[in-house]
Amino acid sequence: MALTIATVVCAYNESRLLPGCLYSLRAQTRPPDEILVVNNASTDETGEVARAVPGIRVIEEPAKAVAAALRSNVDVALTLYRSGSWAA
């Protein structure tokens, strides 16, 4: 059975650094079978830059989803933090 390797790159406003990251992943001795970029509601050209690299799949995360996830994470953190200490 062959092992499948996938790499997920989460990116927010990384249009300048993203190409180097993606081309490095593709140039590894054993490159991933799939490279997925999750564009976390960037306000720059991150999505377009990622799509310009051959073999890269891009998922666009809308700003509303990012805000909801952040809000959810804060709610969880506040629930875990009680009386000045983290709950186990």
Protein backbone atom coordinates (compact mmCIF):
# COMPACT_ATOMS: atom_id res chain seq x y z
CA MET A 1 0.00 0.00 0.00
CA ALA A 2 1.47 3.34 -1.05
CA LEU A 3 1.62 6.17 1.45
CA THR A 4 -0.10 9.40 0.36
CA ILE A 5 1.34 12.65 1.66
CA ALA A 6 -0.66 15.86 1.76
CA THR A 7 0.54 19.23 2.99
CA VAL A 8 -1.78 22.00 4.19
CA VAL A 9 -0.46 25.55 4.20
CA CYS A 10 -2.61 28.09 6.04
CA ALA A 11 -1.91 31.57 4.74
CA TYR A 12 -3.02 35.09 5.58
CA ASN A 13 -1.51 37.91 3.53
CA GLU A 14 1.49 35.81 2.52
CA SER A 15 1.65 36.68 -1.17
CA ARG A 16 5.31 37.73 -0.91
CA LEU A 17 6.60 34.62 0.90
CA LEU A 18 4.18 31.97 -0.33
CA PRO A 19 5.83 31.14 -3.68
CA GLY A 20 9.12 30.21 -2.00
CA CYS A 21 7.29 27.98 0.46
CA LEU A 22 5.27 26.21 -2.24
CA TYR A 23 8.18 25.70 -4.63
CA SER A 24 10.28 24.34 -1.73
CA LEU A 25 7.56 21.82 -0.93
CA ARG A 26 7.41 20.74 -4.58
CA ALA A 27 11.22 20.38 -4.74
CA GLN A 28 11.59 18.01 -1.78
CA THR A 29 13.18 14.61 -2.32
CA ARG A 30 9.71 13.14 -1.69
CA PRO A 31 7.28 15.92 -2.61
CA PRO A 32 3.75 15.79 -1.21
CA ASP A 33 1.12 14.15 -3.40
CA GLU A 34 -1.11 17.13 -2.74
CA ILE A 35 -0.44 20.67 -1.56
CA LEU A 36 -3.44 22.57 -0.30
CA VAL A 37 -3.34 26.28 0.53
CA VAL A 38 -6.07 27.59 2.81
CA ASN A 39 -6.32 31.31 2.11
CA ASN A 40 -7.62 32.73 5.39
CA ALA A 41 -9.48 35.78 4.03
CA SER A 42 -6.29 37.53 2.90
CA THR A 43 -6.53 41.13 1.77
CA ASP A 44 -3.57 40.79 -0.60
CA GLU A 45 -3.06 38.49 -3.62
CA THR A 46 -2.32 35.33 -1.60
CA GLY A 47 -4.96 33.23 -3.40
CA GLU A 48 -3.89 34.32 -6.86
CA VAL A 49 -0.22 33.77 -6.06
CA ALA A 50 -0.94 30.25 -4.78
CA ARG A 51 -3.02 29.38 -7.86
CA ALA A 52 -0.13 30.49 -10.10
CA VAL A 53 2.04 27.65 -8.77
CA PRO A 54 1.36 24.44 -10.75
CA GLY A 55 -0.31 21.62 -8.85
CA ILE A 56 -1.51 23.71 -5.90
CA ARG A 57 -5.13 23.53 -4.75
CA VAL A 58 -6.52 26.63 -3.02
CA ILE A 59 -9.44 26.87 -0.63
CA GLU A 60 -10.72 30.37 -0.03
CA GLU A 61 -11.85 31.00 3.54
CA PRO A 62 -14.38 33.85 3.63
CA ALA A 63 -13.85 36.61 6.20
CA LYS A 64 -17.07 35.69 8.01
CA ALA A 65 -15.88 32.11 8.59
CA VAL A 66 -12.53 33.32 9.95
CA ALA A 67 -14.27 35.76 12.32
CA ALA A 68 -16.65 33.03 13.51
CA ALA A 69 -13.75 30.62 14.13
CA LEU A 70 -11.86 33.24 16.12
CA ARG A 71 -14.97 34.03 18.15
CA SER A 72 -15.51 30.31 18.80
CA ASN A 73 -11.90 29.84 19.92
CA VAL A 74 -12.17 32.78 22.32
CA ASP A 75 -15.40 31.33 23.76
CA VAL A 76 -13.68 27.97 24.32
CA ALA A 77 -10.65 29.64 25.91
CA LEU A 78 -12.85 31.67 28.27
CA THR A 79 -14.77 28.56 29.22
CA LEU A 80 -11.55 26.68 30.04
CA TYR A 81 -10.10 29.56 32.04
CA ARG A 82 -11.83 29.72 35.42
CA SER A 83 -10.95 31.53 38.60
CA GLY A 84 -7.60 32.67 37.30
CA SER A 85 -6.36 29.21 36.26
CA TRP A 86 -6.77 26.88 33.31
CA ALA A 87 -9.25 24.05 33.83
CA ALA A 88 -7.90 20.57 33.27
